[in-house]
Amino acid sequence: MLKVYICEDEYYQQLYLKEIISNTICIENYDMELSLVTSNPYKLLDNIKDTNYTGIYFLDVHLNSDIDGIKLAEKIRYYDPRCFIIFITADPSKSSKIFFHKVEAMDYILKTDFKSIPIRIKDCIKSAHDKISKVTKLHKVLTIKANDKILNIDYDKILFFETSSTIHKVVVHCMDKKIEFYKKMKELEAILDDRFCRCHNSFIVNKDKIREINKKDRIAYMLNGEECLISTRGIKFLVK
């Protein structure tokens, strides 16, 4: 989940930004939440010191504090290196200072450009969502318990799952190993993402790891040469 933060010292501007951001998250059904709206930069920093979430930060440059938005952004990036920072300010002269301080801002939106503010905020939120979704998909892991060990297996290393000859057990096939663990196929279906397909009652395949599909014999040949059976119903999902 992405958490969204606003640090703005003007009350009505806070309300305006909050409305745009909240509506965008709701309408687009993004996996985000508006976590904090504040005028106090130190309150924001206290809020993120121990968080494990990546954040989107909408910051005013001129804050009624002993640190400005640019200095705040530097401190934010220390705690949240992968964060997305957007400045919203009435001062166009600070953009060069932001570049000098290497804040790596996603955007610099002027309050005086009334028409473009909602559009650019929405674009920033969408861009952050798309980037973090891509990273999350690439590094998503499946946590299983096997032989009294807790194992994390990268989704991208999984070829397929098949039911085991042992009741209530499943075998996960990776490029370099096979691991048997207690799980039901229905439970796996519920937690795996859309790169996986239940192609047969006994098989769930990673579609990205299929080398070839034999529609006549209903067999999926995986990248490592292993084979998965495909049901009549399953073939329709795989060849879409």
C-alpha atoms as a PDB file:
ATOM      1  CA  MET A   1       0.000   0.000   0.000  1.00  0.00           C
ATOM      2  CA  LEU A   2       1.106   3.538  -0.760  1.00  0.00           C
ATOM      3  CA  LYS A   3       0.523   6.119   1.941  1.00  0.00           C
ATOM      4  CA  VAL A   4      -0.136   9.732   1.007  1.00  0.00           C
ATOM      5  CA  TYR A   5       0.969  12.728   3.079  1.00  0.00           C
ATOM      6  CA  ILE A   6       0.205  16.422   2.792  1.00  0.00           C
ATOM      7  CA  CYS A   7       2.280  19.116   4.488  1.00  0.00           C
ATOM      8  CA  GLU A   8       0.739  22.508   3.794  1.00  0.00           C
ATOM      9  CA  ASP A   9       0.482  25.472   6.170  1.00  0.00           C
ATOM     10  CA  GLU A  10      -2.613  27.048   4.563  1.00  0.00           C
ATOM     11  CA  TYR A  11      -5.789  25.485   5.957  1.00  0.00           C
ATOM     12  CA  TYR A  12      -8.008  25.950   2.896  1.00  0.00           C
ATOM     13  CA  GLN A  13      -5.259  24.706   0.628  1.00  0.00           C
ATOM     14  CA  GLN A  14      -5.063  21.601   2.826  1.00  0.00           C
ATOM     15  CA  LEU A  15      -8.773  20.979   2.304  1.00  0.00           C
ATOM     16  CA  TYR A  16      -8.446  21.502  -1.442  1.00  0.00           C
ATOM     17  CA  LEU A  17      -5.568  19.046  -1.800  1.00  0.00           C
ATOM     18  CA  LYS A  18      -7.239  16.535   0.495  1.00  0.00           C
ATOM     19  CA  GLU A  19     -10.400  16.562  -1.618  1.00  0.00           C
ATOM     20  CA  ILE A  20      -8.550  16.047  -4.919  1.00  0.00           C
ATOM     21  CA  ILE A  21      -6.340  13.257  -3.557  1.00  0.00           C
ATOM     22  CA  SER A  22      -9.113  11.433  -1.664  1.00  0.00           C
ATOM     23  CA  ASN A  23     -11.437  11.517  -4.667  1.00  0.00           C
ATOM     24  CA  THR A  24      -8.714  10.244  -6.996  1.00  0.00           C
ATOM     25  CA  ILE A  25      -7.865   7.312  -4.709  1.00  0.00           C
ATOM     26  CA  CYS A  26     -11.543   6.426  -4.322  1.00  0.00           C
ATOM     27  CA  ILE A  27     -12.542   6.744  -7.993  1.00  0.00           C
ATOM     28  CA  GLU A  28      -9.509   4.847  -9.311  1.00  0.00           C
ATOM     29  CA  ASN A  29      -9.644   2.299  -6.476  1.00  0.00           C
ATOM     30  CA  TYR A  30      -5.913   2.610  -5.844  1.00  0.00           C
ATOM     31  CA  ASP A  31      -4.267   0.656  -3.039  1.00  0.00           C
ATOM     32  CA  MET A  32      -3.494   3.875  -1.154  1.00  0.00           C
ATOM     33  CA  GLU A  33      -4.612   5.802   1.880  1.00  0.00           C
ATOM     34  CA  LEU A  34      -4.377   9.450   2.849  1.00  0.00           C
ATOM     35  CA  SER A  35      -2.400   8.953   6.024  1.00  0.00           C
ATOM     36  CA  LEU A  36      -1.714  12.488   7.279  1.00  0.00           C
ATOM     37  CA  VAL A  37      -2.642  16.084   6.541  1.00  0.00           C
ATOM     38  CA  THR A  38      -0.626  18.559   8.585  1.00  0.00           C
ATOM     39  CA  SER A  39       1.020  21.965   8.644  1.00  0.00           C
ATOM     40  CA  ASN A  40       3.788  20.717  10.933  1.00  0.00           C
ATOM     41  CA  PRO A  41       6.787  19.170   9.118  1.00  0.00           C
ATOM     42  CA  TYR A  42       8.068  17.582  12.325  1.00  0.00           C
ATOM     43  CA  LYS A  43       4.757  15.803  12.839  1.00  0.00           C
ATOM     44  CA  LEU A  44       5.107  14.324   9.369  1.00  0.00           C
ATOM     45  CA  LEU A  45       8.674  13.169  10.067  1.00  0.00           C
ATOM     46  CA  ASP A  46       7.636  11.570  13.358  1.00  0.00           C
ATOM     47  CA  ASN A  47       4.883   9.757  11.483  1.00  0.00           C
ATOM     48  CA  ILE A  48       7.205   8.140   8.937  1.00  0.00           C
ATOM     49  CA  LYS A  49      10.297   7.337  11.026  1.00  0.00           C
ATOM     50  CA  ASP A  50       9.270   3.754  11.722  1.00  0.00           C
ATOM     51  CA  THR A  51       7.034   3.039   8.740  1.00  0.00           C
ATOM     52  CA  ASN A  52       7.747   0.342   6.165  1.00  0.00           C
ATOM     53  CA  TYR A  53       5.421   1.853   3.570  1.00  0.00           C
ATOM     54  CA  THR A  54       6.463   3.880   0.543  1.00  0.00           C
ATOM     55  CA  GLY A  55       4.830   7.289   0.528  1.00  0.00           C
ATOM     56  CA  ILE A  56       3.639  10.026  -1.792  1.00  0.00           C
ATOM     57  CA  TYR A  57       4.344  13.457  -0.308  1.00  0.00           C
ATOM     58  CA  PHE A  58       2.630  16.675  -1.365  1.00  0.00           C
ATOM     59  CA  LEU A  59       4.669  19.489   0.131  1.00  0.00           C
ATOM     60  CA  ASP A  60       4.437  23.243   0.206  1.00  0.00           C
ATOM     61  CA  VAL A  61       7.821  24.945  -0.145  1.00  0.00           C
ATOM     62  CA  HIS A  62       7.112  27.776   2.293  1.00  0.00           C
ATOM     63  CA  LEU A  63       6.085  26.320   5.641  1.00  0.00           C
ATOM     64  CA  ASN A  64       5.513  28.252   8.847  1.00  0.00           C
ATOM     65  CA  SER A  65       8.455  26.479  10.445  1.00  0.00           C
ATOM     66  CA  ASP A  66      12.212  26.640  10.893  1.00  0.00           C
ATOM     67  CA  ILE A  67      12.559  24.220   7.958  1.00  0.00           C
ATOM     68  CA  ASP A  68      11.068  24.690   4.523  1.00  0.00           C
ATOM     69  CA  GLY A  69       9.568  22.101   2.214  1.00  0.00           C
ATOM     70  CA  ILE A  70      12.861  21.477   0.432  1.00  0.00           C
ATOM     71  CA  LYS A  71      14.696  20.655   3.649  1.00  0.00           C
ATOM     72  CA  LEU A  72      11.726  18.554   4.715  1.00  0.00           C
ATOM     73  CA  ALA A  73      11.949  16.628   1.440  1.00  0.00           C
ATOM     74  CA  GLU A  74      15.607  15.825   2.109  1.00  0.00           C
ATOM     75  CA  LYS A  75      14.716  14.399   5.525  1.00  0.00           C
ATOM     76  CA  ILE A  76      11.770  12.458   4.081  1.00  0.00           C
ATOM     77  CA  ARG A  77      14.000  10.806   1.507  1.00  0.00           C
ATOM     78  CA  TYR A  78      16.355   9.731   4.298  1.00  0.00           C
ATOM     79  CA  TYR A  79      13.529   7.781   5.961  1.00  0.00           C
ATOM     80  CA  ASP A  80      11.721   6.790   2.763  1.00  0.00           C
ATOM     81  CA  PRO A  81      14.282   6.427  -0.066  1.00  0.00           C
ATOM     82  CA  ARG A  82      11.766   5.196  -2.646  1.00  0.00           C
ATOM     83  CA  CYS A  83       9.243   7.947  -1.957  1.00  0.00           C
ATOM     84  CA  PHE A  84       7.485  10.203  -4.463  1.00  0.00           C
ATOM     85  CA  ILE A  85       7.732  13.935  -3.714  1.00  0.00           C
ATOM     86  CA  ILE A  86       5.528  16.583  -5.293  1.00  0.00           C
ATOM     87  CA  PHE A  87       5.897  20.264  -4.473  1.00  0.00           C
ATOM     88  CA  ILE A  88       2.839  22.496  -4.641  1.00  0.00           C
ATOM     89  CA  THR A  89       3.768  26.126  -4.140  1.00  0.00           C
ATOM     90  CA  ALA A  90       3.075  29.700  -5.156  1.00  0.00           C
ATOM     91  CA  ASP A  91       6.794  30.392  -5.617  1.00  0.00           C
ATOM     92  CA  PRO A  92       8.196  29.519  -9.074  1.00  0.00           C
ATOM     93  CA  SER A  93      11.717  30.617  -8.127  1.00  0.00           C
ATOM     94  CA  LYS A  94      12.555  27.602  -5.970  1.00  0.00           C
ATOM     95  CA  SER A  95      12.743  24.978  -8.704  1.00  0.00           C
ATOM     96  CA  SER A  96      16.479  25.507  -9.222  1.00  0.00           C
ATOM     97  CA  LYS A  97      17.078  25.164  -5.478  1.00  0.00           C
ATOM     98  CA  ILE A  98      15.203  21.863  -5.488  1.00  0.00           C
ATOM     99  CA  PHE A  99      17.428  20.610  -8.295  1.00  0.00           C
ATOM    100  CA  PHE A 100      20.544  21.774  -6.433  1.00  0.00           C
ATOM    101  CA  HIS A 101      19.529  19.877  -3.302  1.00  0.00           C
ATOM    102  CA  LYS A 102      18.958  16.717  -5.388  1.00  0.00           C
ATOM    103  CA  VAL A 103      15.527  16.119  -3.894  1.00  0.00           C
ATOM    104  CA  GLU A 104      14.392  14.254  -7.047  1.00  0.00           C
ATOM    105  CA  ALA A 105      10.903  15.707  -7.040  1.00  0.00           C
ATOM    106  CA  MET A 106       8.289  14.067  -9.255  1.00  0.00           C
ATOM    107  CA  ASP A 107       6.631  17.400 -10.023  1.00  0.00           C
ATOM    108  CA  TYR A 108       6.638  21.091  -9.121  1.00  0.00           C
ATOM    109  CA  ILE A 109       3.074  22.411  -9.320  1.00  0.00           C
ATOM    110  CA  LEU A 110       2.294  26.120  -9.078  1.00  0.00           C
ATOM    111  CA  LYS A 111      -0.738  27.132  -7.023  1.00  0.00           C
ATOM    112  CA  THR A 112      -1.367  29.982  -9.446  1.00  0.00           C
ATOM    113  CA  ASP A 113      -2.017  27.533 -12.290  1.00  0.00           C
ATOM    114  CA  PHE A 114      -5.513  26.712 -11.042  1.00  0.00           C
ATOM    115  CA  LYS A 115      -6.711  24.656 -14.006  1.00  0.00           C
ATOM    116  CA  SER A 116      -3.780  22.261 -14.094  1.00  0.00           C
ATOM    117  CA  ILE A 117      -3.517  21.529 -10.354  1.00  0.00           C
ATOM    118  CA  PRO A 118      -6.120  18.697 -10.225  1.00  0.00           C
ATOM    119  CA  ILE A 119      -4.875  17.181 -13.491  1.00  0.00           C
ATOM    120  CA  ARG A 120      -1.232  17.157 -12.441  1.00  0.00           C
ATOM    121  CA  ILE A 121      -2.011  15.792  -8.988  1.00  0.00           C
ATOM    122  CA  LYS A 122      -3.988  12.937 -10.550  1.00  0.00           C
ATOM    123  CA  ASP A 123      -1.158  12.279 -13.024  1.00  0.00           C
ATOM    124  CA  CYS A 124       1.381  12.128 -10.180  1.00  0.00           C
ATOM    125  CA  ILE A 125      -0.757   9.702  -8.179  1.00  0.00           C
ATOM    126  CA  LYS A 126      -1.288   7.474 -11.230  1.00  0.00           C
ATOM    127  CA  SER A 127       2.413   7.509 -12.093  1.00  0.00           C
ATOM    128  CA  ALA A 128       3.397   6.593  -8.521  1.00  0.00           C
ATOM    129  CA  HIS A 129       0.795   3.813  -8.471  1.00  0.00           C
ATOM    130  CA  ASP A 130       1.994   2.365 -11.794  1.00  0.00           C
ATOM    131  CA  LYS A 131       5.659   2.442 -10.775  1.00  0.00           C
ATOM    132  CA  ILE A 132       5.164   0.843  -7.384  1.00  0.00           C
ATOM    133  CA  SER A 133       2.785  -1.779  -8.842  1.00  0.00           C
ATOM    134  CA  LYS A 134       5.432  -2.822 -11.346  1.00  0.00           C
ATOM    135  CA  VAL A 135       8.106  -3.115  -8.674  1.00  0.00           C
ATOM    136  CA  THR A 136       5.755  -4.992  -6.340  1.00  0.00           C
ATOM    137  CA  LYS A 137       4.825  -7.481  -9.049  1.00  0.00           C
ATOM    138  CA  LEU A 138       8.451  -8.183  -9.914  1.00  0.00           C
ATOM    139  CA  HIS A 139       9.442  -8.762  -6.310  1.00  0.00           C
ATOM    140  CA  LYS A 140       6.340 -10.412  -4.910  1.00  0.00           C
ATOM    141  CA  VAL A 141       7.068 -13.476  -2.802  1.00  0.00           C
ATOM    142  CA  LEU A 142       5.151 -16.533  -1.650  1.00  0.00           C
ATOM    143  CA  THR A 143       5.768 -17.483   1.969  1.00  0.00           C
ATOM    144  CA  ILE A 144       5.450 -21.190   2.746  1.00  0.00           C
ATOM    145  CA  LYS A 145       6.302 -23.540   5.591  1.00  0.00           C
ATOM    146  CA  ALA A 146       8.142 -26.712   4.598  1.00  0.00           C
ATOM    147  CA  ASN A 147      10.066 -29.119   6.824  1.00  0.00           C
ATOM    148  CA  ASP A 148       9.819 -26.747   9.786  1.00  0.00           C
ATOM    149  CA  LYS A 149      11.338 -23.923   7.742  1.00  0.00           C
ATOM    150  CA  ILE A 150       9.711 -20.684   6.647  1.00  0.00           C
ATOM    151  CA  LEU A 151      10.625 -20.043   3.011  1.00  0.00           C
ATOM    152  CA  ASN A 152      10.082 -17.000   0.811  1.00  0.00           C
ATOM    153  CA  ILE A 153       9.939 -17.811  -2.902  1.00  0.00           C
ATOM    154  CA  ASP A 154       9.987 -15.041  -5.500  1.00  0.00           C
ATOM    155  CA  TYR A 155       6.910 -15.293  -7.742  1.00  0.00           C
ATOM    156  CA  ASP A 156       9.134 -14.797 -10.766  1.00  0.00           C
ATOM    157  CA  LYS A 157      11.049 -17.990  -9.921  1.00  0.00           C
ATOM    158  CA  ILE A 158       7.952 -20.179  -9.750  1.00  0.00           C
ATOM    159  CA  LEU A 159       7.122 -22.294 -12.802  1.00  0.00           C
ATOM    160  CA  PHE A 160       3.995 -24.068 -11.592  1.00  0.00           C
ATOM    161  CA  PHE A 161       2.214 -25.804  -8.727  1.00  0.00           C
ATOM    162  CA  GLU A 162       0.800 -29.316  -8.792  1.00  0.00           C
ATOM    163  CA  THR A 163      -1.165 -31.363  -6.310  1.00  0.00           C
ATOM    164  CA  SER A 164       0.930 -33.827  -4.338  1.00  0.00           C
ATOM    165  CA  SER A 165       0.199 -37.516  -3.865  1.00  0.00           C
ATOM    166  CA  THR A 166       0.071 -36.637  -0.174  1.00  0.00           C
ATOM    167  CA  ILE A 167      -3.358 -35.320   0.753  1.00  0.00           C
ATOM    168  CA  HIS A 168      -3.628 -31.556   1.390  1.00  0.00           C
ATOM    169  CA  LYS A 169      -0.140 -30.987   0.025  1.00  0.00           C
ATOM    170  CA  VAL A 170       1.091 -29.091  -3.024  1.00  0.00           C
ATOM    171  CA  VAL A 171       4.417 -29.186  -4.861  1.00  0.00           C
ATOM    172  CA  VAL A 172       5.864 -25.914  -6.119  1.00  0.00           C
ATOM    173  CA  HIS A 173       8.204 -26.288  -9.100  1.00  0.00           C
ATOM    174  CA  CYS A 174      10.945 -23.681  -9.516  1.00  0.00           C
ATOM    175  CA  MET A 175      13.726 -23.629 -12.092  1.00  0.00           C
ATOM    176  CA  ASP A 176      16.190 -25.260  -9.713  1.00  0.00           C
ATOM    177  CA  LYS A 177      14.117 -27.063  -7.079  1.00  0.00           C
ATOM    178  CA  LYS A 178      10.819 -28.593  -5.992  1.00  0.00           C
ATOM    179  CA  ILE A 179       9.267 -28.020  -2.575  1.00  0.00           C
ATOM    180  CA  GLU A 180       6.322 -29.873  -1.056  1.00  0.00           C
ATOM    181  CA  PHE A 181       4.204 -28.054   1.506  1.00  0.00           C
ATOM    182  CA  TYR A 182       0.754 -28.110   3.074  1.00  0.00           C
ATOM    183  CA  LYS A 183      -1.721 -26.016   1.087  1.00  0.00           C
ATOM    184  CA  LYS A 184      -4.865 -26.390  -0.962  1.00  0.00           C
ATOM    185  CA  MET A 185      -4.983 -25.319  -4.593  1.00  0.00           C
ATOM    186  CA  LYS A 186      -8.008 -23.134  -3.902  1.00  0.00           C
ATOM    187  CA  GLU A 187      -6.053 -21.301  -1.213  1.00  0.00           C
ATOM    188  CA  LEU A 188      -3.199 -20.682  -3.647  1.00  0.00           C
ATOM    189  CA  GLU A 189      -5.596 -19.390  -6.291  1.00  0.00           C
ATOM    190  CA  ALA A 190      -6.880 -16.838  -3.814  1.00  0.00           C
ATOM    191  CA  ILE A 191      -3.467 -15.355  -3.017  1.00  0.00           C
ATOM    192  CA  LEU A 192      -1.551 -15.600  -6.311  1.00  0.00           C
ATOM    193  CA  ASP A 193      -1.609 -12.708  -8.773  1.00  0.00           C
ATOM    194  CA  ASP A 194      -2.815 -12.629 -12.376  1.00  0.00           C
ATOM    195  CA  ARG A 195       0.334 -14.133 -13.863  1.00  0.00           C
ATOM    196  CA  PHE A 196      -0.847 -17.514 -12.498  1.00  0.00           C
ATOM    197  CA  CYS A 197      -3.639 -19.608 -14.027  1.00  0.00           C
ATOM    198  CA  ARG A 198      -5.459 -22.707 -12.758  1.00  0.00           C
ATOM    199  CA  CYS A 199      -5.112 -24.595 -16.039  1.00  0.00           C
ATOM    200  CA  HIS A 200      -6.114 -27.966 -14.631  1.00  0.00           C
ATOM    201  CA  ASN A 201      -7.614 -29.323 -11.443  1.00  0.00           C
ATOM    202  CA  SER A 202      -4.107 -30.454 -10.471  1.00  0.00           C
ATOM    203  CA  PHE A 203      -2.009 -27.594 -11.901  1.00  0.00           C
ATOM    204  CA  ILE A 204      -1.532 -23.842 -11.489  1.00  0.00           C
ATOM    205  CA  VAL A 205       0.968 -22.438 -14.004  1.00  0.00           C
ATOM    206  CA  ASN A 206       2.936 -19.225 -14.195  1.00  0.00           C
ATOM    207  CA  LYS A 207       1.904 -18.011 -17.658  1.00  0.00           C
ATOM    208  CA  ASP A 208       5.168 -16.079 -18.028  1.00  0.00           C
ATOM    209  CA  LYS A 209       7.127 -19.357 -17.750  1.00  0.00           C
ATOM    210  CA  ILE A 210       5.343 -21.311 -20.490  1.00  0.00           C
ATOM    211  CA  ARG A 211       7.541 -22.053 -23.498  1.00  0.00           C
ATOM    212  CA  GLU A 212       4.911 -23.707 -25.671  1.00  0.00           C
ATOM    213  CA  ILE A 213       1.305 -24.932 -25.566  1.00  0.00           C
ATOM    214  CA  ASN A 214       0.150 -28.062 -27.368  1.00  0.00           C
ATOM    215  CA  LYS A 215      -3.575 -27.437 -27.780  1.00  0.00           C
ATOM    216  CA  LYS A 216      -4.256 -30.831 -29.337  1.00  0.00           C
ATOM    217  CA  ASP A 217      -2.785 -32.843 -26.456  1.00  0.00           C
ATOM    218  CA  ARG A 218      -3.558 -30.092 -23.918  1.00  0.00           C
ATOM    219  CA  ILE A 219      -0.043 -29.850 -22.516  1.00  0.00           C
ATOM    220  CA  ALA A 220       1.900 -26.764 -21.430  1.00  0.00           C
ATOM    221  CA  TYR A 221       5.663 -27.087 -21.837  1.00  0.00           C
ATOM    222  CA  MET A 222       7.516 -24.974 -19.292  1.00  0.00           C
ATOM    223  CA  LEU A 223      10.844 -23.186 -19.775  1.00  0.00           C
ATOM    224  CA  ASN A 224      12.758 -25.982 -18.032  1.00  0.00           C
ATOM    225  CA  GLY A 225      11.110 -28.714 -20.125  1.00  0.00           C
ATOM    226  CA  GLU A 226       8.604 -29.895 -17.518  1.00  0.00           C
ATOM    227  CA  GLU A 227       5.018 -30.468 -18.577  1.00  0.00           C
ATOM    228  CA  CYS A 228       1.677 -29.410 -17.115  1.00  0.00           C
ATOM    229  CA  LEU A 229      -1.682 -30.853 -18.048  1.00  0.00           C
ATOM    230  CA  ILE A 230      -4.366 -28.474 -19.306  1.00  0.00           C
ATOM    231  CA  SER A 231      -8.090 -29.088 -19.036  1.00  0.00           C
ATOM    232  CA  THR A 232     -10.565 -28.203 -21.780  1.00  0.00           C
ATOM    233  CA  ARG A 233     -11.670 -25.217 -19.736  1.00  0.00           C
ATOM    234  CA  GLY A 234      -8.088 -24.294 -18.868  1.00  0.00           C
ATOM    235  CA  ILE A 235      -6.951 -24.136 -22.494  1.00  0.00           C
ATOM    236  CA  LYS A 236      -9.412 -21.303 -23.094  1.00  0.00           C
ATOM    237  CA  PHE A 237      -7.825 -19.177 -20.357  1.00  0.00           C
ATOM    238  CA  LEU A 238      -4.253 -19.834 -21.508  1.00  0.00           C
ATOM    239  CA  VAL A 239      -4.701 -19.079 -25.224  1.00  0.00           C
ATOM    240  CA  LYS A 240      -6.543 -15.791 -24.684  1.00  0.00           C
END
